[in-house]
Amino acid sequence: MADARSIAEQYIAVWNETDDVKRRALIEDIFTADVRFTDARASVTGQDELDQFVGGAQAQFAGLTFTLPADPDAHHDLARFQWHLGLPGEEPIAIGFDVIEIEDGRIAKVHGFLDKVPG
């Protein structure tokens, strides 16, 4: 994969963008129209459903930030990376691990796993 770090950073930027119009523009830039996102809490298809899901997560975790604690691991059209959710400089309240599938330079599928969730 050409630049897994850049794609992962763009993915994280979507989760951190609280302006609805800017977030939607990011989603349209980096995800395919029929993107599929699946994790333990949800399974959504398409940019509209993904946008709604991200917006809901942002409302639930207002003021918290997603970060990449390390570089992604990638090969072919796949990348995997861990993410943290929390306040800068503090212990993350949530930790996850996502695997993304890339088609023509855009994210087509996200398989999410939650390693640590708030109590």
PDB file of N, CA and C in Angstrom:
ATOM      1  N   MET A   1       0.848  -1.175   0.000  1.00  0.00           N
ATOM      2  CA  MET A   1       0.000   0.000   0.000  1.00  0.00           C
ATOM      3  C   MET A   1       0.890   1.233   0.000  1.00  0.00           C
ATOM      4  N   ALA A   2       0.530   2.190  -0.813  1.00  0.00           N
ATOM      5  CA  ALA A   2       1.372   3.360  -1.027  1.00  0.00           C
ATOM      6  C   ALA A   2       1.682   4.117   0.261  1.00  0.00           C
ATOM      7  N   ASP A   3       0.690   4.552   0.997  1.00  0.00           N
ATOM      8  CA  ASP A   3       0.941   5.350   2.181  1.00  0.00           C
ATOM      9  C   ASP A   3      -0.098   5.056   3.253  1.00  0.00           C
ATOM     10  N   ALA A   4       0.088   3.957   3.943  1.00  0.00           N
ATOM     11  CA  ALA A   4      -0.865   3.526   4.965  1.00  0.00           C
ATOM     12  C   ALA A   4      -0.990   4.555   6.077  1.00  0.00           C
ATOM     13  N   ARG A   5       0.111   5.198   6.439  1.00  0.00           N
ATOM     14  CA  ARG A   5       0.072   6.197   7.513  1.00  0.00           C
ATOM     15  C   ARG A   5      -0.855   7.353   7.132  1.00  0.00           C
ATOM     16  N   SER A   6      -0.741   7.832   5.913  1.00  0.00           N
ATOM     17  CA  SER A   6      -1.577   8.935   5.452  1.00  0.00           C
ATOM     18  C   SER A   6      -3.058   8.552   5.449  1.00  0.00           C
ATOM     19  N   ILE A   7      -3.365   7.375   4.967  1.00  0.00           N
ATOM     20  CA  ILE A   7      -4.754   6.919   4.940  1.00  0.00           C
ATOM     21  C   ILE A   7      -5.291   6.776   6.360  1.00  0.00           C
ATOM     22  N   ALA A   8      -4.509   6.206   7.259  1.00  0.00           N
ATOM     23  CA  ALA A   8      -4.938   6.064   8.656  1.00  0.00           C
ATOM     24  C   ALA A   8      -5.139   7.432   9.308  1.00  0.00           C
ATOM     25  N   GLU A   9      -4.260   8.378   9.002  1.00  0.00           N
ATOM     26  CA  GLU A   9      -4.411   9.732   9.555  1.00  0.00           C
ATOM     27  C   GLU A   9      -5.676  10.405   9.034  1.00  0.00           C
ATOM     28  N   GLN A  10      -5.989  10.202   7.768  1.00  0.00           N
ATOM     29  CA  GLN A  10      -7.222  10.757   7.207  1.00  0.00           C
ATOM     30  C   GLN A  10      -8.449  10.124   7.866  1.00  0.00           C
ATOM     31  N   TYR A  11      -8.369   8.836   8.096  1.00  0.00           N
ATOM     32  CA  TYR A  11      -9.455   8.113   8.769  1.00  0.00           C
ATOM     33  C   TYR A  11      -9.683   8.692  10.166  1.00  0.00           C
ATOM     34  N   ILE A  12      -8.621   8.875  10.913  1.00  0.00           N
ATOM     35  CA  ILE A  12      -8.723   9.448  12.263  1.00  0.00           C
ATOM     36  C   ILE A  12      -9.250  10.879  12.194  1.00  0.00           C
ATOM     37  N   ALA A  13      -8.853  11.633  11.165  1.00  0.00           N
ATOM     38  CA  ALA A  13      -9.335  13.010  11.009  1.00  0.00           C
ATOM     39  C   ALA A  13     -10.855  13.055  10.885  1.00  0.00           C
ATOM     40  N   VAL A  14     -11.444  12.073  10.218  1.00  0.00           N
ATOM     41  CA  VAL A  14     -12.902  12.009  10.107  1.00  0.00           C
ATOM     42  C   VAL A  14     -13.528  11.917  11.496  1.00  0.00           C
ATOM     43  N   TRP A  15     -12.976  11.061  12.344  1.00  0.00           N
ATOM     44  CA  TRP A  15     -13.523  10.863  13.687  1.00  0.00           C
ATOM     45  C   TRP A  15     -13.327  12.082  14.579  1.00  0.00           C
ATOM     46  N   ASN A  16     -12.365  12.915  14.257  1.00  0.00           N
ATOM     47  CA  ASN A  16     -12.098  14.116  15.057  1.00  0.00           C
ATOM     48  C   ASN A  16     -12.773  15.375  14.526  1.00  0.00           C
ATOM     49  N   GLU A  17     -13.291  15.332  13.312  1.00  0.00           N
ATOM     50  CA  GLU A  17     -13.896  16.533  12.717  1.00  0.00           C
ATOM     51  C   GLU A  17     -15.324  16.723  13.222  1.00  0.00           C
ATOM     52  N   THR A  18     -15.537  17.772  13.997  1.00  0.00           N
ATOM     53  CA  THR A  18     -16.850  18.017  14.595  1.00  0.00           C
ATOM     54  C   THR A  18     -17.746  18.918  13.744  1.00  0.00           C
ATOM     55  N   ASP A  19     -17.178  19.597  12.763  1.00  0.00           N
ATOM     56  CA  ASP A  19     -17.991  20.399  11.853  1.00  0.00           C
ATOM     57  C   ASP A  19     -18.645  19.440  10.852  1.00  0.00           C
ATOM     58  N   ASP A  20     -19.982  19.416  10.829  1.00  0.00           N
ATOM     59  CA  ASP A  20     -20.712  18.459   9.995  1.00  0.00           C
ATOM     60  C   ASP A  20     -20.356  18.550   8.511  1.00  0.00           C
ATOM     61  N   VAL A  21     -20.237  19.764   7.992  1.00  0.00           N
ATOM     62  CA  VAL A  21     -19.949  19.946   6.572  1.00  0.00           C
ATOM     63  C   VAL A  21     -18.529  19.489   6.244  1.00  0.00           C
ATOM     64  N   LYS A  22     -17.577  19.856   7.077  1.00  0.00           N
ATOM     65  CA  LYS A  22     -16.187  19.441   6.847  1.00  0.00           C
ATOM     66  C   LYS A  22     -16.040  17.929   6.994  1.00  0.00           C
ATOM     67  N   ARG A  23     -16.719  17.344   8.008  1.00  0.00           N
ATOM     68  CA  ARG A  23     -16.638  15.898   8.195  1.00  0.00           C
ATOM     69  C   ARG A  23     -17.201  15.167   6.978  1.00  0.00           C
ATOM     70  N   ARG A  24     -18.318  15.649   6.469  1.00  0.00           N
ATOM     71  CA  ARG A  24     -18.925  15.003   5.301  1.00  0.00           C
ATOM     72  C   ARG A  24     -17.989  15.090   4.091  1.00  0.00           C
ATOM     73  N   ALA A  25     -17.338  16.223   3.909  1.00  0.00           N
ATOM     74  CA  ALA A  25     -16.396  16.370   2.801  1.00  0.00           C
ATOM     75  C   ALA A  25     -15.232  15.385   2.942  1.00  0.00           C
ATOM     76  N   LEU A  26     -14.727  15.217   4.165  1.00  0.00           N
ATOM     77  CA  LEU A  26     -13.656  14.239   4.402  1.00  0.00           C
ATOM     78  C   LEU A  26     -14.133  12.829   4.077  1.00  0.00           C
ATOM     79  N   ILE A  27     -15.338  12.494   4.524  1.00  0.00           N
ATOM     80  CA  ILE A  27     -15.890  11.160   4.257  1.00  0.00           C
ATOM     81  C   ILE A  27     -15.973  10.918   2.755  1.00  0.00           C
ATOM     82  N   GLU A  28     -16.459  11.906   2.018  1.00  0.00           N
ATOM     83  CA  GLU A  28     -16.578  11.740   0.569  1.00  0.00           C
ATOM     84  C   GLU A  28     -15.219  11.612  -0.101  1.00  0.00           C
ATOM     85  N   ASP A  29     -14.198  12.234   0.462  1.00  0.00           N
ATOM     86  CA  ASP A  29     -12.852  12.155  -0.111  1.00  0.00           C
ATOM     87  C   ASP A  29     -12.178  10.815   0.127  1.00  0.00           C
ATOM     88  N   ILE A  30     -12.351  10.241   1.313  1.00  0.00           N
ATOM     89  CA  ILE A  30     -11.514   9.072   1.635  1.00  0.00           C
ATOM     90  C   ILE A  30     -12.250   7.740   1.688  1.00  0.00           C
ATOM     91  N   PHE A  31     -13.588   7.759   1.643  1.00  0.00           N
ATOM     92  CA  PHE A  31     -14.351   6.506   1.660  1.00  0.00           C
ATOM     93  C   PHE A  31     -15.075   6.309   0.336  1.00  0.00           C
ATOM     94  N   THR A  32     -15.220   5.059  -0.082  1.00  0.00           N
ATOM     95  CA  THR A  32     -16.023   4.761  -1.268  1.00  0.00           C
ATOM     96  C   THR A  32     -17.487   5.068  -0.952  1.00  0.00           C
ATOM     97  N   ALA A  33     -18.295   5.255  -1.994  1.00  0.00           N
ATOM     98  CA  ALA A  33     -19.718   5.582  -1.801  1.00  0.00           C
ATOM     99  C   ALA A  33     -20.445   4.490  -1.023  1.00  0.00           C
ATOM    100  N   ASP A  34     -20.043   3.240  -1.229  1.00  0.00           N
ATOM    101  CA  ASP A  34     -20.721   2.112  -0.576  1.00  0.00           C
ATOM    102  C   ASP A  34     -19.893   1.522   0.569  1.00  0.00           C
ATOM    103  N   VAL A  35     -19.113   2.359   1.230  1.00  0.00           N
ATOM    104  CA  VAL A  35     -18.267   1.910   2.333  1.00  0.00           C
ATOM    105  C   VAL A  35     -19.079   1.079   3.331  1.00  0.00           C
ATOM    106  N   ARG A  36     -18.433   0.053   3.886  1.00  0.00           N
ATOM    107  CA  ARG A  36     -19.055  -0.758   4.945  1.00  0.00           C
ATOM    108  C   ARG A  36     -18.189  -0.637   6.190  1.00  0.00           C
ATOM    109  N   PHE A  37     -18.819  -0.281   7.295  1.00  0.00           N
ATOM    110  CA  PHE A  37     -18.152  -0.145   8.582  1.00  0.00           C
ATOM    111  C   PHE A  37     -18.836  -1.103   9.543  1.00  0.00           C
ATOM    112  N   THR A  38     -18.037  -1.962  10.171  1.00  0.00           N
ATOM    113  CA  THR A  38     -18.582  -2.922  11.129  1.00  0.00           C
ATOM    114  C   THR A  38     -17.681  -2.971  12.347  1.00  0.00           C
ATOM    115  N   ASP A  39     -18.285  -2.803  13.522  1.00  0.00           N
ATOM    116  CA  ASP A  39     -17.583  -3.057  14.772  1.00  0.00           C
ATOM    117  C   ASP A  39     -18.582  -3.688  15.738  1.00  0.00           C
ATOM    118  N   ALA A  40     -18.202  -3.835  16.998  1.00  0.00           N
ATOM    119  CA  ALA A  40     -19.059  -4.522  17.974  1.00  0.00           C
ATOM    120  C   ALA A  40     -20.362  -3.766  18.247  1.00  0.00           C
ATOM    121  N   ARG A  41     -20.388  -2.460  17.957  1.00  0.00           N
ATOM    122  CA  ARG A  41     -21.564  -1.650  18.257  1.00  0.00           C
ATOM    123  C   ARG A  41     -22.463  -1.397  17.067  1.00  0.00           C
ATOM    124  N   ALA A  42     -21.940  -1.521  15.862  1.00  0.00           N
ATOM    125  CA  ALA A  42     -22.728  -1.122  14.700  1.00  0.00           C
ATOM    126  C   ALA A  42     -22.241  -1.779  13.426  1.00  0.00           C
ATOM    127  N   SER A  43     -23.129  -1.781  12.455  1.00  0.00           N
ATOM    128  CA  SER A  43     -22.791  -2.175  11.097  1.00  0.00           C
ATOM    129  C   SER A  43     -23.526  -1.199  10.188  1.00  0.00           C
ATOM    130  N   VAL A  44     -22.770  -0.366   9.475  1.00  0.00           N
ATOM    131  CA  VAL A  44     -23.381   0.637   8.619  1.00  0.00           C
ATOM    132  C   VAL A  44     -22.828   0.513   7.208  1.00  0.00           C
ATOM    133  N   THR A  45     -23.633   0.950   6.247  1.00  0.00           N
ATOM    134  CA  THR A  45     -23.241   0.897   4.843  1.00  0.00           C
ATOM    135  C   THR A  45     -23.505   2.243   4.200  1.00  0.00           C
ATOM    136  N   GLY A  46     -22.523   2.739   3.475  1.00  0.00           N
ATOM    137  CA  GLY A  46     -22.661   3.981   2.733  1.00  0.00           C
ATOM    138  C   GLY A  46     -22.186   5.188   3.521  1.00  0.00           C
ATOM    139  N   GLN A  47     -21.889   6.238   2.785  1.00  0.00           N
ATOM    140  CA  GLN A  47     -21.352   7.451   3.394  1.00  0.00           C
ATOM    141  C   GLN A  47     -22.351   8.124   4.332  1.00  0.00           C
ATOM    142  N   ASP A  48     -23.639   8.100   3.999  1.00  0.00           N
ATOM    143  CA  ASP A  48     -24.637   8.733   4.860  1.00  0.00           C
ATOM    144  C   ASP A  48     -24.689   8.064   6.230  1.00  0.00           C
ATOM    145  N   GLU A  49     -24.783   6.738   6.237  1.00  0.00           N
ATOM    146  CA  GLU A  49     -24.855   6.009   7.508  1.00  0.00           C
ATOM    147  C   GLU A  49     -23.567   6.156   8.301  1.00  0.00           C
ATOM    148  N   LEU A  50     -22.431   6.137   7.620  1.00  0.00           N
ATOM    149  CA  LEU A  50     -21.159   6.313   8.312  1.00  0.00           C
ATOM    150  C   LEU A  50     -21.098   7.697   8.955  1.00  0.00           C
ATOM    151  N   ASP A  51     -21.508   8.715   8.225  1.00  0.00           N
ATOM    152  CA  ASP A  51     -21.503  10.079   8.744  1.00  0.00           C
ATOM    153  C   ASP A  51     -22.388  10.184   9.993  1.00  0.00           C
ATOM    154  N   GLN A  52     -23.555   9.597   9.958  1.00  0.00           N
ATOM    155  CA  GLN A  52     -24.456   9.609  11.109  1.00  0.00           C
ATOM    156  C   GLN A  52     -23.839   8.871  12.295  1.00  0.00           C
ATOM    157  N   PHE A  53     -23.201   7.752  12.034  1.00  0.00           N
ATOM    158  CA  PHE A  53     -22.578   6.970  13.106  1.00  0.00           C
ATOM    159  C   PHE A  53     -21.439   7.743  13.761  1.00  0.00           C
ATOM    160  N   VAL A  54     -20.587   8.356  12.952  1.00  0.00           N
ATOM    161  CA  VAL A  54     -19.472   9.142  13.489  1.00  0.00           C
ATOM    162  C   VAL A  54     -20.008  10.329  14.289  1.00  0.00           C
ATOM    163  N   GLY A  55     -21.012  11.002  13.760  1.00  0.00           N
ATOM    164  CA  GLY A  55     -21.614  12.122  14.487  1.00  0.00           C
ATOM    165  C   GLY A  55     -22.178  11.694  15.833  1.00  0.00           C
ATOM    166  N   GLY A  56     -22.797  10.537  15.889  1.00  0.00           N
ATOM    167  CA  GLY A  56     -23.319  10.015  17.149  1.00  0.00           C
ATOM    168  C   GLY A  56     -22.221   9.701  18.144  1.00  0.00           C
ATOM    169  N   ALA A  57     -21.131   9.125  17.654  1.00  0.00           N
ATOM    170  CA  ALA A  57     -19.990   8.829  18.532  1.00  0.00           C
ATOM    171  C   ALA A  57     -19.387  10.117  19.072  1.00  0.00           C
ATOM    172  N   GLN A  58     -19.313  11.134  18.229  1.00  0.00           N
ATOM    173  CA  GLN A  58     -18.762  12.415  18.678  1.00  0.00           C
ATOM    174  C   GLN A  58     -19.636  13.036  19.763  1.00  0.00           C
ATOM    175  N   ALA A  59     -20.939  12.911  19.629  1.00  0.00           N
ATOM    176  CA  ALA A  59     -21.844  13.447  20.653  1.00  0.00           C
ATOM    177  C   ALA A  59     -21.648  12.700  21.970  1.00  0.00           C
ATOM    178  N   GLN A  60     -21.437  11.406  21.890  1.00  0.00           N
ATOM    179  CA  GLN A  60     -21.252  10.577  23.089  1.00  0.00           C
ATOM    180  C   GLN A  60     -19.925  10.875  23.776  1.00  0.00           C
ATOM    181  N   PHE A  61     -18.895  11.172  22.998  1.00  0.00           N
ATOM    182  CA  PHE A  61     -17.554  11.379  23.544  1.00  0.00           C
ATOM    183  C   PHE A  61     -17.056  12.803  23.291  1.00  0.00           C
ATOM    184  N   ALA A  62     -17.934  13.770  23.465  1.00  0.00           N
ATOM    185  CA  ALA A  62     -17.598  15.174  23.204  1.00  0.00           C
ATOM    186  C   ALA A  62     -16.353  15.589  23.980  1.00  0.00           C
ATOM    187  N   GLY A  63     -15.466  16.298  23.290  1.00  0.00           N
ATOM    188  CA  GLY A  63     -14.249  16.805  23.903  1.00  0.00           C
ATOM    189  C   GLY A  63     -13.077  15.842  23.886  1.00  0.00           C
ATOM    190  N   LEU A  64     -13.310  14.605  23.474  1.00  0.00           N
ATOM    191  CA  LEU A  64     -12.233  13.614  23.415  1.00  0.00           C
ATOM    192  C   LEU A  64     -11.683  13.543  21.993  1.00  0.00           C
ATOM    193  N   THR A  65     -10.455  13.071  21.867  1.00  0.00           N
ATOM    194  CA  THR A  65      -9.763  13.047  20.589  1.00  0.00           C
ATOM    195  C   THR A  65      -9.262  11.643  20.274  1.00  0.00           C
ATOM    196  N   PHE A  66      -9.387  11.257  19.000  1.00  0.00           N
ATOM    197  CA  PHE A  66      -8.808  10.010  18.511  1.00  0.00           C
ATOM    198  C   PHE A  66      -7.378  10.274  18.079  1.00  0.00           C
ATOM    199  N   THR A  67      -6.479   9.340  18.391  1.00  0.00           N
ATOM    200  CA  THR A  67      -5.085   9.444  17.970  1.00  0.00           C
ATOM    201  C   THR A  67      -4.582   8.085  17.494  1.00  0.00           C
ATOM    202  N   LEU A  68      -3.519   8.128  16.714  1.00  0.00           N
ATOM    203  CA  LEU A  68      -2.804   6.921  16.289  1.00  0.00           C
ATOM    204  C   LEU A  68      -1.578   6.777  17.177  1.00  0.00           C
ATOM    205  N   PRO A  69      -1.490   5.739  18.004  1.00  0.00           N
ATOM    206  CA  PRO A  69      -0.332   5.597  18.875  1.00  0.00           C
ATOM    207  C   PRO A  69       0.906   5.033  18.179  1.00  0.00           C
ATOM    208  N   ALA A  70       0.718   4.476  16.974  1.00  0.00           N
ATOM    209  CA  ALA A  70       1.845   3.863  16.250  1.00  0.00           C
ATOM    210  C   ALA A  70       1.515   3.831  14.759  1.00  0.00           C
ATOM    211  N   ASP A  71       2.516   3.552  13.953  1.00  0.00           N
ATOM    212  CA  ASP A  71       2.297   3.442  12.514  1.00  0.00           C
ATOM    213  C   ASP A  71       1.458   2.212  12.195  1.00  0.00           C
ATOM    214  N   PRO A  72       0.644   2.293  11.144  1.00  0.00           N
ATOM    215  CA  PRO A  72      -0.131   1.130  10.716  1.00  0.00           C
ATOM    216  C   PRO A  72       0.776   0.052  10.117  1.00  0.00           C
ATOM    217  N   ASP A  73       0.260  -1.130  10.095  1.00  0.00           N
ATOM    218  CA  ASP A  73       0.883  -2.261   9.415  1.00  0.00           C
ATOM    219  C   ASP A  73       0.061  -2.482   8.150  1.00  0.00           C
ATOM    220  N   ALA A  74       0.714  -2.595   6.996  1.00  0.00           N
ATOM    221  CA  ALA A  74      -0.045  -2.685   5.754  1.00  0.00           C
ATOM    222  C   ALA A  74       0.618  -3.604   4.742  1.00  0.00           C
ATOM    223  N   HIS A  75      -0.203  -4.196   3.923  1.00  0.00           N
ATOM    224  CA  HIS A  75       0.247  -4.936   2.748  1.00  0.00           C
ATOM    225  C   HIS A  75      -0.920  -5.032   1.769  1.00  0.00           C
ATOM    226  N   HIS A  76      -0.587  -5.179   0.512  1.00  0.00           N
ATOM    227  CA  HIS A  76      -1.579  -5.222  -0.563  1.00  0.00           C
ATOM    228  C   HIS A  76      -2.562  -4.065  -0.394  1.00  0.00           C
ATOM    229  N   ASP A  77      -3.840  -4.364  -0.273  1.00  0.00           N
ATOM    230  CA  ASP A  77      -4.850  -3.315  -0.107  1.00  0.00           C
ATOM    231  C   ASP A  77      -5.456  -3.342   1.289  1.00  0.00           C
ATOM    232  N   LEU A  78      -4.645  -3.735   2.269  1.00  0.00           N
ATOM    233  CA  LEU A  78      -5.103  -3.837   3.657  1.00  0.00           C
ATOM    234  C   LEU A  78      -4.183  -3.053   4.582  1.00  0.00           C
ATOM    235  N   ALA A  79      -4.773  -2.504   5.617  1.00  0.00           N
ATOM    236  CA  ALA A  79      -3.971  -1.871   6.667  1.00  0.00           C
ATOM    237  C   ALA A  79      -4.663  -2.126   8.001  1.00  0.00           C
ATOM    238  N   ARG A  80      -3.851  -2.241   9.041  1.00  0.00           N
ATOM    239  CA  ARG A  80      -4.397  -2.392  10.387  1.00  0.00           C
ATOM    240  C   ARG A  80      -3.661  -1.424  11.299  1.00  0.00           C
ATOM    241  N   PHE A  81      -4.408  -0.887  12.251  1.00  0.00           N
ATOM    242  CA  PHE A  81      -3.804   0.073  13.177  1.00  0.00           C
ATOM    243  C   PHE A  81      -4.637   0.161  14.439  1.00  0.00           C
ATOM    244  N   GLN A  82      -3.960   0.523  15.507  1.00  0.00           N
ATOM    245  CA  GLN A  82      -4.627   0.769  16.778  1.00  0.00           C
ATOM    246  C   GLN A  82      -4.933   2.255  16.876  1.00  0.00           C
ATOM    247  N   TRP A  83      -5.999   2.602  17.587  1.00  0.00           N
ATOM    248  CA  TRP A  83      -6.312   3.991  17.871  1.00  0.00           C
ATOM    249  C   TRP A  83      -6.632   4.133  19.353  1.00  0.00           C
ATOM    250  N   HIS A  84      -6.443   5.344  19.840  1.00  0.00           N
ATOM    251  CA  HIS A  84      -6.773   5.685  21.225  1.00  0.00           C
ATOM    252  C   HIS A  84      -7.800   6.808  21.205  1.00  0.00           C
ATOM    253  N   LEU A  85      -8.668   6.819  22.212  1.00  0.00           N
ATOM    254  CA  LEU A  85      -9.629   7.898  22.390  1.00  0.00           C
ATOM    255  C   LEU A  85      -9.480   8.435  23.805  1.00  0.00           C
ATOM    256  N   GLY A  86      -9.269   9.736  23.920  1.00  0.00           N
ATOM    257  CA  GLY A  86      -9.133  10.331  25.241  1.00  0.00           C
ATOM    258  C   GLY A  86      -8.724  11.779  25.162  1.00  0.00           C
ATOM    259  N   LEU A  87      -8.293  12.287  26.303  1.00  0.00           N
ATOM    260  CA  LEU A  87      -7.779  13.647  26.381  1.00  0.00           C
ATOM    261  C   LEU A  87      -6.280  13.624  26.132  1.00  0.00           C
ATOM    262  N   PRO A  88      -5.753  14.610  25.419  1.00  0.00           N
ATOM    263  CA  PRO A  88      -4.310  14.640  25.147  1.00  0.00           C
ATOM    264  C   PRO A  88      -3.487  14.557  26.435  1.00  0.00           C
ATOM    265  N   GLY A  89      -2.472  13.706  26.412  1.00  0.00           N
ATOM    266  CA  GLY A  89      -1.570  13.569  27.548  1.00  0.00           C
ATOM    267  C   GLY A  89      -2.086  12.697  28.671  1.00  0.00           C
ATOM    268  N   GLU A  90      -3.299  12.165  28.544  1.00  0.00           N
ATOM    269  CA  GLU A  90      -3.867  11.307  29.579  1.00  0.00           C
ATOM    270  C   GLU A  90      -4.054   9.888  29.059  1.00  0.00           C
ATOM    271  N   GLU A  91      -4.272   8.972  29.977  1.00  0.00           N
ATOM    272  CA  GLU A  91      -4.557   7.583  29.624  1.00  0.00           C
ATOM    273  C   GLU A  91      -5.828   7.529  28.773  1.00  0.00           C
ATOM    274  N   PRO A  92      -5.812   6.803  27.644  1.00  0.00           N
ATOM    275  CA  PRO A  92      -7.019   6.738  26.816  1.00  0.00           C
ATOM    276  C   PRO A  92      -8.167   6.038  27.556  1.00  0.00           C
ATOM    277  N   ILE A  93      -9.386   6.522  27.317  1.00  0.00           N
ATOM    278  CA  ILE A  93     -10.538   5.860  27.924  1.00  0.00           C
ATOM    279  C   ILE A  93     -11.031   4.711  27.056  1.00  0.00           C
ATOM    280  N   ALA A  94     -10.665   4.756  25.762  1.00  0.00           N
ATOM    281  CA  ALA A  94     -11.020   3.676  24.844  1.00  0.00           C
ATOM    282  C   ALA A  94      -9.834   3.410  23.927  1.00  0.00           C
ATOM    283  N   ILE A  95      -9.678   2.135  23.575  1.00  0.00           N
ATOM    284  CA  ILE A  95      -8.639   1.706  22.649  1.00  0.00           C
ATOM    285  C   ILE A  95      -9.285   0.739  21.666  1.00  0.00           C
ATOM    286  N   GLY A  96      -8.994   0.940  20.399  1.00  0.00           N
ATOM    287  CA  GLY A  96      -9.535   0.059  19.384  1.00  0.00           C
ATOM    288  C   GLY A  96      -8.475  -0.343  18.382  1.00  0.00           C
ATOM    289  N   PHE A  97      -8.861  -1.265  17.539  1.00  0.00           N
ATOM    290  CA  PHE A  97      -7.982  -1.814  16.518  1.00  0.00           C
ATOM    291  C   PHE A  97      -8.820  -1.959  15.256  1.00  0.00           C
ATOM    292  N   ASP A  98      -8.457  -1.280  14.187  1.00  0.00           N
ATOM    293  CA  ASP A  98      -9.231  -1.332  12.950  1.00  0.00           C
ATOM    294  C   ASP A  98      -8.413  -1.926  11.816  1.00  0.00           C
ATOM    295  N   VAL A  99      -9.102  -2.655  10.971  1.00  0.00           N
ATOM    296  CA  VAL A  99      -8.536  -3.177   9.731  1.00  0.00           C
ATOM    297  C   VAL A  99      -9.332  -2.530   8.608  1.00  0.00           C
ATOM    298  N   ILE A 100      -8.627  -1.898   7.671  1.00  0.00           N
ATOM    299  CA  ILE A 100      -9.307  -1.256   6.557  1.00  0.00           C
ATOM    300  C   ILE A 100      -8.916  -1.916   5.244  1.00  0.00           C
ATOM    301  N   GLU A 101      -9.878  -1.959   4.332  1.00  0.00           N
ATOM    302  CA  GLU A 101      -9.650  -2.446   2.979  1.00  0.00           C
ATOM    303  C   GLU A 101      -9.718  -1.249   2.039  1.00  0.00           C
ATOM    304  N   ILE A 102      -8.740  -1.160   1.148  1.00  0.00           N
ATOM    305  CA  ILE A 102      -8.615  -0.027   0.244  1.00  0.00           C
ATOM    306  C   ILE A 102      -8.965  -0.450  -1.182  1.00  0.00           C
ATOM    307  N   GLU A 103      -9.769   0.377  -1.843  1.00  0.00           N
ATOM    308  CA  GLU A 103     -10.071   0.199  -3.273  1.00  0.00           C
ATOM    309  C   GLU A 103      -9.780   1.508  -3.985  1.00  0.00           C
ATOM    310  N   ASP A 104      -8.909   1.460  -4.959  1.00  0.00           N
ATOM    311  CA  ASP A 104      -8.563   2.654  -5.742  1.00  0.00           C
ATOM    312  C   ASP A 104      -8.205   3.849  -4.859  1.00  0.00           C
ATOM    313  N   GLY A 105      -7.450   3.599  -3.799  1.00  0.00           N
ATOM    314  CA  GLY A 105      -6.960   4.662  -2.935  1.00  0.00           C
ATOM    315  C   GLY A 105      -7.947   5.166  -1.899  1.00  0.00           C
ATOM    316  N   ARG A 106      -9.129   4.548  -1.818  1.00  0.00           N
ATOM    317  CA  ARG A 106     -10.147   4.977  -0.851  1.00  0.00           C
ATOM    318  C   ARG A 106     -10.544   3.795   0.034  1.00  0.00           C
ATOM    319  N   ILE A 107     -11.002   4.105   1.231  1.00  0.00           N
ATOM    320  CA  ILE A 107     -11.404   3.055   2.171  1.00  0.00           C
ATOM    321  C   ILE A 107     -12.767   2.500   1.757  1.00  0.00           C
ATOM    322  N   ALA A 108     -12.804   1.175   1.540  1.00  0.00           N
ATOM    323  CA  ALA A 108     -14.036   0.499   1.130  1.00  0.00           C
ATOM    324  C   ALA A 108     -14.694  -0.250   2.288  1.00  0.00           C
ATOM    325  N   LYS A 109     -13.875  -0.760   3.205  1.00  0.00           N
ATOM    326  CA  LYS A 109     -14.406  -1.512   4.348  1.00  0.00           C
ATOM    327  C   LYS A 109     -13.578  -1.220   5.580  1.00  0.00           C
ATOM    328  N   VAL A 110     -14.262  -1.171   6.714  1.00  0.00           N
ATOM    329  CA  VAL A 110     -13.611  -1.028   8.008  1.00  0.00           C
ATOM    330  C   VAL A 110     -14.121  -2.147   8.896  1.00  0.00           C
ATOM    331  N   HIS A 111     -13.186  -2.896   9.467  1.00  0.00           N
ATOM    332  CA  HIS A 111     -13.508  -3.947  10.432  1.00  0.00           C
ATOM    333  C   HIS A 111     -12.921  -3.481  11.759  1.00  0.00           C
ATOM    334  N   GLY A 112     -13.780  -3.074  12.686  1.00  0.00           N
ATOM    335  CA  GLY A 112     -13.325  -2.487  13.933  1.00  0.00           C
ATOM    336  C   GLY A 112     -13.441  -3.432  15.115  1.00  0.00           C
ATOM    337  N   PHE A 113     -12.467  -3.331  15.997  1.00  0.00           N
ATOM    338  CA  PHE A 113     -12.457  -4.135  17.224  1.00  0.00           C
ATOM    339  C   PHE A 113     -12.192  -3.204  18.395  1.00  0.00           C
ATOM    340  N   LEU A 114     -12.866  -3.435  19.503  1.00  0.00           N
ATOM    341  CA  LEU A 114     -12.712  -2.611  20.688  1.00  0.00           C
ATOM    342  C   LEU A 114     -11.916  -3.378  21.732  1.00  0.00           C
ATOM    343  N   ASP A 115     -10.746  -2.851  22.101  1.00  0.00           N
ATOM    344  CA  ASP A 115      -9.877  -3.502  23.066  1.00  0.00           C
ATOM    345  C   ASP A 115     -10.141  -2.996  24.483  1.00  0.00           C
ATOM    346  N   LYS A 116     -10.541  -1.734  24.595  1.00  0.00           N
ATOM    347  CA  LYS A 116     -10.834  -1.139  25.895  1.00  0.00           C
ATOM    348  C   LYS A 116     -11.993  -0.178  25.696  1.00  0.00           C
ATOM    349  N   VAL A 117     -13.019  -0.313  26.513  1.00  0.00           N
ATOM    350  CA  VAL A 117     -14.171   0.584  26.414  1.00  0.00           C
ATOM    351  C   VAL A 117     -14.455   1.181  27.791  1.00  0.00           C
ATOM    352  N   PRO A 118     -15.037   2.390  27.805  1.00  0.00           N
ATOM    353  CA  PRO A 118     -15.354   2.999  29.098  1.00  0.00           C
ATOM    354  C   PRO A 118     -16.345   2.146  29.885  1.00  0.00           C
ATOM    355  N   GLY A 119     -16.183   2.137  31.200  1.00  0.00           N
ATOM    356  CA  GLY A 119     -17.071   1.355  32.074  1.00  0.00           C
ATOM    357  C   GLY A 119     -18.371   1.997  32.209  1.00  0.00           C
TER     358      GLY A 119
END
